[in-house]
Amino acid sequence: MKRVRPSDLCAVIDEDDIVYVAPLPDGPVLVLDGVSALIWQTALDPQIDDTVAYVADATGQRPEDIAGHVDAFVTDLVRRGALVLVDHG
């Protein structure tokens, strides 16, 4: 999975198991909890190289069963302007 970071055009409040993400200026505010908050936090953690493997381990799932879902969720957050892809160039 590609590396991501929060967009400069969104506000983020990360409170334990809930993440509030507001693409500015028009929103809407996204409330991420449970697995969605875990995916957000894991994808942004520079210490974790494999988001899918980490989330699979944390949720008791097999990586091959959730990889498409995790990737689709992150891709949707990029589309919504909450996350941006990190350019390795």
PDB file of N, CA and C in Angstrom:
ATOM      1  N   MET A   1       0.840  -1.172   0.000  1.00  0.00           N
ATOM      2  CA  MET A   1       0.000   0.000   0.000  1.00  0.00           C
ATOM      3  C   MET A   1       0.892   1.244   0.000  1.00  0.00           C
ATOM      4  N   LYS A   2       0.460   2.266  -0.703  1.00  0.00           N
ATOM      5  CA  LYS A   2       1.225   3.496  -0.793  1.00  0.00           C
ATOM      6  C   LYS A   2       1.187   4.244   0.529  1.00  0.00           C
ATOM      7  N   ARG A   3       2.235   5.026   0.786  1.00  0.00           N
ATOM      8  CA  ARG A   3       2.274   5.853   2.000  1.00  0.00           C
ATOM      9  C   ARG A   3       1.369   7.058   1.809  1.00  0.00           C
ATOM     10  N   VAL A   4       0.753   7.479   2.900  1.00  0.00           N
ATOM     11  CA  VAL A   4      -0.155   8.622   2.892  1.00  0.00           C
ATOM     12  C   VAL A   4       0.147   9.514   4.080  1.00  0.00           C
ATOM     13  N   ARG A   5      -0.401  10.717   3.997  1.00  0.00           N
ATOM     14  CA  ARG A   5      -0.332  11.662   5.112  1.00  0.00           C
ATOM     15  C   ARG A   5      -1.630  12.456   5.099  1.00  0.00           C
ATOM     16  N   PRO A   6      -1.976  13.085   6.243  1.00  0.00           N
ATOM     17  CA  PRO A   6      -3.178  13.923   6.239  1.00  0.00           C
ATOM     18  C   PRO A   6      -3.005  15.096   5.280  1.00  0.00           C
ATOM     19  N   SER A   7      -4.063  15.475   4.643  1.00  0.00           N
ATOM     20  CA  SER A   7      -4.040  16.630   3.754  1.00  0.00           C
ATOM     21  C   SER A   7      -3.783  17.887   4.567  1.00  0.00           C
ATOM     22  N   ASP A   8      -3.070  18.833   3.970  1.00  0.00           N
ATOM     23  CA  ASP A   8      -2.871  20.129   4.622  1.00  0.00           C
ATOM     24  C   ASP A   8      -4.181  20.897   4.729  1.00  0.00           C
ATOM     25  N   LEU A   9      -5.182  20.470   3.976  1.00  0.00           N
ATOM     26  CA  LEU A   9      -6.469  21.157   3.952  1.00  0.00           C
ATOM     27  C   LEU A   9      -7.523  20.430   4.779  1.00  0.00           C
ATOM     28  N   CYS A  10      -7.088  19.752   5.845  1.00  0.00           N
ATOM     29  CA  CYS A  10      -8.066  19.138   6.741  1.00  0.00           C
ATOM     30  C   CYS A  10      -7.584  19.262   8.175  1.00  0.00           C
ATOM     31  N   ALA A  11      -8.557  19.296   9.066  1.00  0.00           N
ATOM     32  CA  ALA A  11      -8.275  19.320  10.497  1.00  0.00           C
ATOM     33  C   ALA A  11      -8.518  17.920  11.036  1.00  0.00           C
ATOM     34  N   VAL A  12      -7.661  17.493  11.967  1.00  0.00           N
ATOM     35  CA  VAL A  12      -7.769  16.143  12.521  1.00  0.00           C
ATOM     36  C   VAL A  12      -7.689  16.216  14.040  1.00  0.00           C
ATOM     37  N   ILE A  13      -8.614  15.539  14.680  1.00  0.00           N
ATOM     38  CA  ILE A  13      -8.554  15.337  16.133  1.00  0.00           C
ATOM     39  C   ILE A  13      -8.568  13.834  16.346  1.00  0.00           C
ATOM     40  N   ASP A  14      -7.506  13.325  16.945  1.00  0.00           N
ATOM     41  CA  ASP A  14      -7.361  11.888  17.190  1.00  0.00           C
ATOM     42  C   ASP A  14      -7.466  11.673  18.687  1.00  0.00           C
ATOM     43  N   GLU A  15      -8.600  11.157  19.126  1.00  0.00           N
ATOM     44  CA  GLU A  15      -8.869  10.940  20.545  1.00  0.00           C
ATOM     45  C   GLU A  15      -9.043   9.452  20.814  1.00  0.00           C
ATOM     46  N   ASP A  16      -7.966   8.786  21.185  1.00  0.00           N
ATOM     47  CA  ASP A  16      -7.992   7.362  21.516  1.00  0.00           C
ATOM     48  C   ASP A  16      -8.535   6.529  20.361  1.00  0.00           C
ATOM     49  N   ASP A  17      -9.774   6.057  20.475  1.00  0.00           N
ATOM     50  CA  ASP A  17     -10.338   5.152  19.477  1.00  0.00           C
ATOM     51  C   ASP A  17     -11.230   5.843  18.461  1.00  0.00           C
ATOM     52  N   ILE A  18     -11.291   7.172  18.489  1.00  0.00           N
ATOM     53  CA  ILE A  18     -12.110   7.922  17.544  1.00  0.00           C
ATOM     54  C   ILE A  18     -11.252   9.000  16.897  1.00  0.00           C
ATOM     55  N   VAL A  19     -11.376   9.112  15.576  1.00  0.00           N
ATOM     56  CA  VAL A  19     -10.652  10.141  14.837  1.00  0.00           C
ATOM     57  C   VAL A  19     -11.689  11.000  14.113  1.00  0.00           C
ATOM     58  N   TYR A  20     -11.593  12.311  14.313  1.00  0.00           N
ATOM     59  CA  TYR A  20     -12.458  13.259  13.623  1.00  0.00           C
ATOM     60  C   TYR A  20     -11.615  13.927  12.541  1.00  0.00           C
ATOM     61  N   VAL A  21     -12.084  13.857  11.297  1.00  0.00           N
ATOM     62  CA  VAL A  21     -11.355  14.423  10.173  1.00  0.00           C
ATOM     63  C   VAL A  21     -12.298  15.372   9.446  1.00  0.00           C
ATOM     64  N   ALA A  22     -11.858  16.622   9.289  1.00  0.00           N
ATOM     65  CA  ALA A  22     -12.701  17.618   8.627  1.00  0.00           C
ATOM     66  C   ALA A  22     -11.951  18.238   7.460  1.00  0.00           C
ATOM     67  N   PRO A  23     -12.255  17.808   6.237  1.00  0.00           N
ATOM     68  CA  PRO A  23     -11.684  18.501   5.079  1.00  0.00           C
ATOM     69  C   PRO A  23     -12.200  19.947   5.060  1.00  0.00           C
ATOM     70  N   LEU A  24     -11.283  20.886   4.989  1.00  0.00           N
ATOM     71  CA  LEU A  24     -11.649  22.303   5.074  1.00  0.00           C
ATOM     72  C   LEU A  24     -11.710  22.923   3.693  1.00  0.00           C
ATOM     73  N   PRO A  25     -12.569  23.869   3.462  1.00  0.00           N
ATOM     74  CA  PRO A  25     -13.464  24.526   4.407  1.00  0.00           C
ATOM     75  C   PRO A  25     -14.871  23.937   4.452  1.00  0.00           C
ATOM     76  N   ASP A  26     -15.188  22.991   3.577  1.00  0.00           N
ATOM     77  CA  ASP A  26     -16.580  22.590   3.411  1.00  0.00           C
ATOM     78  C   ASP A  26     -16.987  21.275   4.066  1.00  0.00           C
ATOM     79  N   GLY A  27     -16.012  20.541   4.631  1.00  0.00           N
ATOM     80  CA  GLY A  27     -16.369  19.276   5.265  1.00  0.00           C
ATOM     81  C   GLY A  27     -16.767  18.227   4.251  1.00  0.00           C
ATOM     82  N   PRO A  28     -17.553  17.305   4.626  1.00  0.00           N
ATOM     83  CA  PRO A  28     -18.157  17.090   5.940  1.00  0.00           C
ATOM     84  C   PRO A  28     -17.157  16.485   6.913  1.00  0.00           C
ATOM     85  N   VAL A  29     -17.482  16.553   8.196  1.00  0.00           N
ATOM     86  CA  VAL A  29     -16.648  15.942   9.217  1.00  0.00           C
ATOM     87  C   VAL A  29     -16.835  14.429   9.132  1.00  0.00           C
ATOM     88  N   LEU A  30     -15.729  13.735   9.066  1.00  0.00           N
ATOM     89  CA  LEU A  30     -15.751  12.273   9.061  1.00  0.00           C
ATOM     90  C   LEU A  30     -15.439  11.791  10.470  1.00  0.00           C
ATOM     91  N   VAL A  31     -16.242  10.910  10.982  1.00  0.00           N
ATOM     92  CA  VAL A  31     -16.012  10.332  12.304  1.00  0.00           C
ATOM     93  C   VAL A  31     -15.592   8.885  12.095  1.00  0.00           C
ATOM     94  N   LEU A  32     -14.346   8.610  12.412  1.00  0.00           N
ATOM     95  CA  LEU A  32     -13.791   7.273  12.229  1.00  0.00           C
ATOM     96  C   LEU A  32     -13.663   6.615  13.590  1.00  0.00           C
ATOM     97  N   ASP A  33     -14.258   5.443  13.722  1.00  0.00           N
ATOM     98  CA  ASP A  33     -14.102   4.699  14.965  1.00  0.00           C
ATOM     99  C   ASP A  33     -13.930   3.226  14.647  1.00  0.00           C
ATOM    100  N   GLY A  34     -13.568   2.464  15.639  1.00  0.00           N
ATOM    101  CA  GLY A  34     -13.358   1.036  15.419  1.00  0.00           C
ATOM    102  C   GLY A  34     -12.271   0.782  14.399  1.00  0.00           C
ATOM    103  N   VAL A  35     -12.569  -0.084  13.444  1.00  0.00           N
ATOM    104  CA  VAL A  35     -11.579  -0.473  12.445  1.00  0.00           C
ATOM    105  C   VAL A  35     -11.194   0.701  11.556  1.00  0.00           C
ATOM    106  N   SER A  36     -12.137   1.589  11.251  1.00  0.00           N
ATOM    107  CA  SER A  36     -11.790   2.732  10.390  1.00  0.00           C
ATOM    108  C   SER A  36     -10.761   3.628  11.069  1.00  0.00           C
ATOM    109  N   ALA A  37     -10.890   3.857  12.371  1.00  0.00           N
ATOM    110  CA  ALA A  37      -9.885   4.644  13.106  1.00  0.00           C
ATOM    111  C   ALA A  37      -8.550   3.899  13.138  1.00  0.00           C
ATOM    112  N   LEU A  38      -8.606   2.589  13.325  1.00  0.00           N
ATOM    113  CA  LEU A  38      -7.382   1.776  13.333  1.00  0.00           C
ATOM    114  C   LEU A  38      -6.657   1.876  11.997  1.00  0.00           C
ATOM    115  N   ILE A  39      -7.396   1.799  10.900  1.00  0.00           N
ATOM    116  CA  ILE A  39      -6.763   1.911   9.577  1.00  0.00           C
ATOM    117  C   ILE A  39      -6.124   3.284   9.415  1.00  0.00           C
ATOM    118  N   TRP A  40      -6.835   4.360   9.770  1.00  0.00           N
ATOM    119  CA  TRP A  40      -6.297   5.722   9.689  1.00  0.00           C
ATOM    120  C   TRP A  40      -4.998   5.825  10.473  1.00  0.00           C
ATOM    121  N   GLN A  41      -5.043   5.420  11.728  1.00  0.00           N
ATOM    122  CA  GLN A  41      -3.885   5.556  12.607  1.00  0.00           C
ATOM    123  C   GLN A  41      -2.710   4.706  12.126  1.00  0.00           C
ATOM    124  N   THR A  42      -3.002   3.507  11.647  1.00  0.00           N
ATOM    125  CA  THR A  42      -1.951   2.604  11.184  1.00  0.00           C
ATOM    126  C   THR A  42      -1.319   3.102   9.893  1.00  0.00           C
ATOM    127  N   ALA A  43      -2.141   3.568   8.957  1.00  0.00           N
ATOM    128  CA  ALA A  43      -1.626   4.060   7.673  1.00  0.00           C
ATOM    129  C   ALA A  43      -0.719   5.268   7.860  1.00  0.00           C
ATOM    130  N   LEU A  44      -0.937   6.039   8.923  1.00  0.00           N
ATOM    131  CA  LEU A  44      -0.138   7.241   9.155  1.00  0.00           C
ATOM    132  C   LEU A  44       1.072   7.002  10.059  1.00  0.00           C
ATOM    133  N   ASP A  45       1.169   5.840  10.656  1.00  0.00           N
ATOM    134  CA  ASP A  45       2.256   5.543  11.589  1.00  0.00           C
ATOM    135  C   ASP A  45       3.520   5.173  10.813  1.00  0.00           C
ATOM    136  N   PRO A  46       4.551   6.014  10.872  1.00  0.00           N
ATOM    137  CA  PRO A  46       5.775   5.726  10.109  1.00  0.00           C
ATOM    138  C   PRO A  46       6.522   4.491  10.628  1.00  0.00           C
ATOM    139  N   GLN A  47       6.194   4.019  11.814  1.00  0.00           N
ATOM    140  CA  GLN A  47       6.845   2.837  12.375  1.00  0.00           C
ATOM    141  C   GLN A  47       6.267   1.533  11.811  1.00  0.00           C
ATOM    142  N   ILE A  48       5.098   1.631  11.162  1.00  0.00           N
ATOM    143  CA  ILE A  48       4.425   0.437  10.643  1.00  0.00           C
ATOM    144  C   ILE A  48       4.579   0.401   9.124  1.00  0.00           C
ATOM    145  N   ASP A  49       5.240  -0.632   8.643  1.00  0.00           N
ATOM    146  CA  ASP A  49       5.505  -0.753   7.203  1.00  0.00           C
ATOM    147  C   ASP A  49       4.345  -1.380   6.440  1.00  0.00           C
ATOM    148  N   ASP A  50       3.591  -2.263   7.067  1.00  0.00           N
ATOM    149  CA  ASP A  50       2.535  -2.996   6.367  1.00  0.00           C
ATOM    150  C   ASP A  50       1.198  -2.784   7.075  1.00  0.00           C
ATOM    151  N   THR A  51       0.439  -1.818   6.597  1.00  0.00           N
ATOM    152  CA  THR A  51      -0.842  -1.480   7.211  1.00  0.00           C
ATOM    153  C   THR A  51      -1.780  -2.672   7.221  1.00  0.00           C
ATOM    154  N   VAL A  52      -1.884  -3.377   6.110  1.00  0.00           N
ATOM    155  CA  VAL A  52      -2.810  -4.507   6.020  1.00  0.00           C
ATOM    156  C   VAL A  52      -2.452  -5.581   7.043  1.00  0.00           C
ATOM    157  N   ALA A  53      -1.183  -5.943   7.135  1.00  0.00           N
ATOM    158  CA  ALA A  53      -0.763  -6.979   8.082  1.00  0.00           C
ATOM    159  C   ALA A  53      -1.046  -6.555   9.519  1.00  0.00           C
ATOM    160  N   TYR A  54      -0.796  -5.291   9.829  1.00  0.00           N
ATOM    161  CA  TYR A  54      -1.024  -4.798  11.187  1.00  0.00           C
ATOM    162  C   TYR A  54      -2.509  -4.837  11.534  1.00  0.00           C
ATOM    163  N   VAL A  55      -3.349  -4.330  10.627  1.00  0.00           N
ATOM    164  CA  VAL A  55      -4.793  -4.311  10.873  1.00  0.00           C
ATOM    165  C   VAL A  55      -5.329  -5.741  10.943  1.00  0.00           C
ATOM    166  N   ALA A  56      -4.846  -6.617  10.087  1.00  0.00           N
ATOM    167  CA  ALA A  56      -5.284  -8.012  10.122  1.00  0.00           C
ATOM    168  C   ALA A  56      -4.958  -8.643  11.465  1.00  0.00           C
ATOM    169  N   ASP A  57      -3.738  -8.427  11.936  1.00  0.00           N
ATOM    170  CA  ASP A  57      -3.331  -8.982  13.225  1.00  0.00           C
ATOM    171  C   ASP A  57      -4.178  -8.405  14.359  1.00  0.00           C
ATOM    172  N   ALA A  58      -4.426  -7.112  14.320  1.00  0.00           N
ATOM    173  CA  ALA A  58      -5.190  -6.452  15.390  1.00  0.00           C
ATOM    174  C   ALA A  58      -6.652  -6.877  15.419  1.00  0.00           C
ATOM    175  N   THR A  59      -7.173  -7.309  14.265  1.00  0.00           N
ATOM    176  CA  THR A  59      -8.589  -7.666  14.189  1.00  0.00           C
ATOM    177  C   THR A  59      -8.830  -9.168  14.080  1.00  0.00           C
ATOM    178  N   GLY A  60      -7.753  -9.954  14.055  1.00  0.00           N
ATOM    179  CA  GLY A  60      -7.898 -11.397  13.960  1.00  0.00           C
ATOM    180  C   GLY A  60      -8.323 -11.882  12.584  1.00  0.00           C
ATOM    181  N   GLN A  61      -8.036 -11.090  11.561  1.00  0.00           N
ATOM    182  CA  GLN A  61      -8.390 -11.435  10.184  1.00  0.00           C
ATOM    183  C   GLN A  61      -7.148 -11.894   9.426  1.00  0.00           C
ATOM    184  N   ARG A  62      -7.364 -12.485   8.284  1.00  0.00           N
ATOM    185  CA  ARG A  62      -6.250 -12.847   7.410  1.00  0.00           C
ATOM    186  C   ARG A  62      -5.972 -11.671   6.483  1.00  0.00           C
ATOM    187  N   PRO A  63      -4.696 -11.327   6.273  1.00  0.00           N
ATOM    188  CA  PRO A  63      -4.370 -10.191   5.412  1.00  0.00           C
ATOM    189  C   PRO A  63      -5.009 -10.278   4.028  1.00  0.00           C
ATOM    190  N   GLU A  64      -5.022 -11.463   3.439  1.00  0.00           N
ATOM    191  CA  GLU A  64      -5.584 -11.601   2.095  1.00  0.00           C
ATOM    192  C   GLU A  64      -7.099 -11.370   2.074  1.00  0.00           C
ATOM    193  N   ASP A  65      -7.750 -11.525   3.215  1.00  0.00           N
ATOM    194  CA  ASP A  65      -9.196 -11.303   3.280  1.00  0.00           C
ATOM    195  C   ASP A  65      -9.571  -9.823   3.416  1.00  0.00           C
ATOM    196  N   ILE A  66      -8.657  -9.019   3.951  1.00  0.00           N
ATOM    197  CA  ILE A  66      -9.002  -7.618   4.195  1.00  0.00           C
ATOM    198  C   ILE A  66      -8.230  -6.624   3.334  1.00  0.00           C
ATOM    199  N   ALA A  67      -7.225  -7.079   2.610  1.00  0.00           N
ATOM    200  CA  ALA A  67      -6.363  -6.163   1.850  1.00  0.00           C
ATOM    201  C   ALA A  67      -7.163  -5.256   0.929  1.00  0.00           C
ATOM    202  N   GLY A  68      -8.100  -5.792   0.192  1.00  0.00           N
ATOM    203  CA  GLY A  68      -8.903  -4.984  -0.723  1.00  0.00           C
ATOM    204  C   GLY A  68      -9.748  -3.957   0.001  1.00  0.00           C
ATOM    205  N   HIS A  69     -10.285  -4.329   1.158  1.00  0.00           N
ATOM    206  CA  HIS A  69     -11.111  -3.409   1.938  1.00  0.00           C
ATOM    207  C   HIS A  69     -10.283  -2.258   2.508  1.00  0.00           C
ATOM    208  N   VAL A  70      -9.109  -2.600   3.027  1.00  0.00           N
ATOM    209  CA  VAL A  70      -8.229  -1.563   3.587  1.00  0.00           C
ATOM    210  C   VAL A  70      -7.796  -0.599   2.490  1.00  0.00           C
ATOM    211  N   ASP A  71      -7.375  -1.137   1.349  1.00  0.00           N
ATOM    212  CA  ASP A  71      -6.944  -0.298   0.240  1.00  0.00           C
ATOM    213  C   ASP A  71      -8.093   0.590  -0.257  1.00  0.00           C
ATOM    214  N   ALA A  72      -9.286   0.031  -0.371  1.00  0.00           N
ATOM    215  CA  ALA A  72     -10.443   0.813  -0.831  1.00  0.00           C
ATOM    216  C   ALA A  72     -10.778   1.925   0.151  1.00  0.00           C
ATOM    217  N   PHE A  73     -10.666   1.654   1.441  1.00  0.00           N
ATOM    218  CA  PHE A  73     -10.958   2.670   2.453  1.00  0.00           C
ATOM    219  C   PHE A  73      -9.952   3.823   2.367  1.00  0.00           C
ATOM    220  N   VAL A  74      -8.672   3.493   2.278  1.00  0.00           N
ATOM    221  CA  VAL A  74      -7.644   4.532   2.177  1.00  0.00           C
ATOM    222  C   VAL A  74      -7.818   5.316   0.876  1.00  0.00           C
ATOM    223  N   THR A  75      -8.095   4.629  -0.211  1.00  0.00           N
ATOM    224  CA  THR A  75      -8.324   5.296  -1.499  1.00  0.00           C
ATOM    225  C   THR A  75      -9.502   6.257  -1.406  1.00  0.00           C
ATOM    226  N   ASP A  76     -10.557   5.864  -0.701  1.00  0.00           N
ATOM    227  CA  ASP A  76     -11.715   6.741  -0.523  1.00  0.00           C
ATOM    228  C   ASP A  76     -11.348   7.982   0.293  1.00  0.00           C
ATOM    229  N   LEU A  77     -10.517   7.819   1.307  1.00  0.00           N
ATOM    230  CA  LEU A  77     -10.089   8.981   2.098  1.00  0.00           C
ATOM    231  C   LEU A  77      -9.238   9.930   1.265  1.00  0.00           C
ATOM    232  N   VAL A  78      -8.449   9.391   0.348  1.00  0.00           N
ATOM    233  CA  VAL A  78      -7.685  10.240  -0.580  1.00  0.00           C
ATOM    234  C   VAL A  78      -8.657  10.980  -1.495  1.00  0.00           C
ATOM    235  N   ARG A  79      -9.637  10.272  -2.028  1.00  0.00           N
ATOM    236  CA  ARG A  79     -10.634  10.881  -2.920  1.00  0.00           C
ATOM    237  C   ARG A  79     -11.399  11.996  -2.216  1.00  0.00           C
ATOM    238  N   ARG A  80     -11.681  11.824  -0.941  1.00  0.00           N
ATOM    239  CA  ARG A  80     -12.427  12.824  -0.169  1.00  0.00           C
ATOM    240  C   ARG A  80     -11.562  14.015   0.257  1.00  0.00           C
ATOM    241  N   GLY A  81     -10.249  13.919   0.041  1.00  0.00           N
ATOM    242  CA  GLY A  81      -9.363  15.015   0.401  1.00  0.00           C
ATOM    243  C   GLY A  81      -8.856  14.979   1.823  1.00  0.00           C
ATOM    244  N   ALA A  82      -9.098  13.878   2.526  1.00  0.00           N
ATOM    245  CA  ALA A  82      -8.622  13.759   3.913  1.00  0.00           C
ATOM    246  C   ALA A  82      -7.163  13.318   3.961  1.00  0.00           C
ATOM    247  N   LEU A  83      -6.782  12.468   3.023  1.00  0.00           N
ATOM    248  CA  LEU A  83      -5.407  11.984   2.940  1.00  0.00           C
ATOM    249  C   LEU A  83      -4.840  12.335   1.574  1.00  0.00           C
ATOM    250  N   VAL A  84      -3.527  12.453   1.513  1.00  0.00           N
ATOM    251  CA  VAL A  84      -2.840  12.629   0.238  1.00  0.00           C
ATOM    252  C   VAL A  84      -1.730  11.595   0.153  1.00  0.00           C
ATOM    253  N   LEU A  85      -1.441  11.167  -1.063  1.00  0.00           N
ATOM    254  CA  LEU A  85      -0.351  10.219  -1.272  1.00  0.00           C
ATOM    255  C   LEU A  85       0.980  10.928  -1.076  1.00  0.00           C
ATOM    256  N   VAL A  86       1.912  10.235  -0.470  1.00  0.00           N
ATOM    257  CA  VAL A  86       3.256  10.763  -0.251  1.00  0.00           C
ATOM    258  C   VAL A  86       4.087  10.449  -1.481  1.00  0.00           C
ATOM    259  N   ASP A  87       4.691  11.468  -2.059  1.00  0.00           N
ATOM    260  CA  ASP A  87       5.533  11.298  -3.249  1.00  0.00           C
ATOM    261  C   ASP A  87       6.918  10.872  -2.805  1.00  0.00           C
ATOM    262  N   HIS A  88       7.344   9.735  -3.296  1.00  0.00           N
ATOM    263  CA  HIS A  88       8.680   9.234  -2.954  1.00  0.00           C
ATOM    264  C   HIS A  88       9.735   9.723  -3.932  1.00  0.00           C
ATOM    265  N   GLY A  89       9.326  10.564  -4.875  1.00  0.00           N
ATOM    266  CA  GLY A  89      10.234  11.007  -5.925  1.00  0.00           C
ATOM    267  C   GLY A  89      11.202  11.982  -5.450  1.00  0.00           C
TER     268      GLY A  89
END
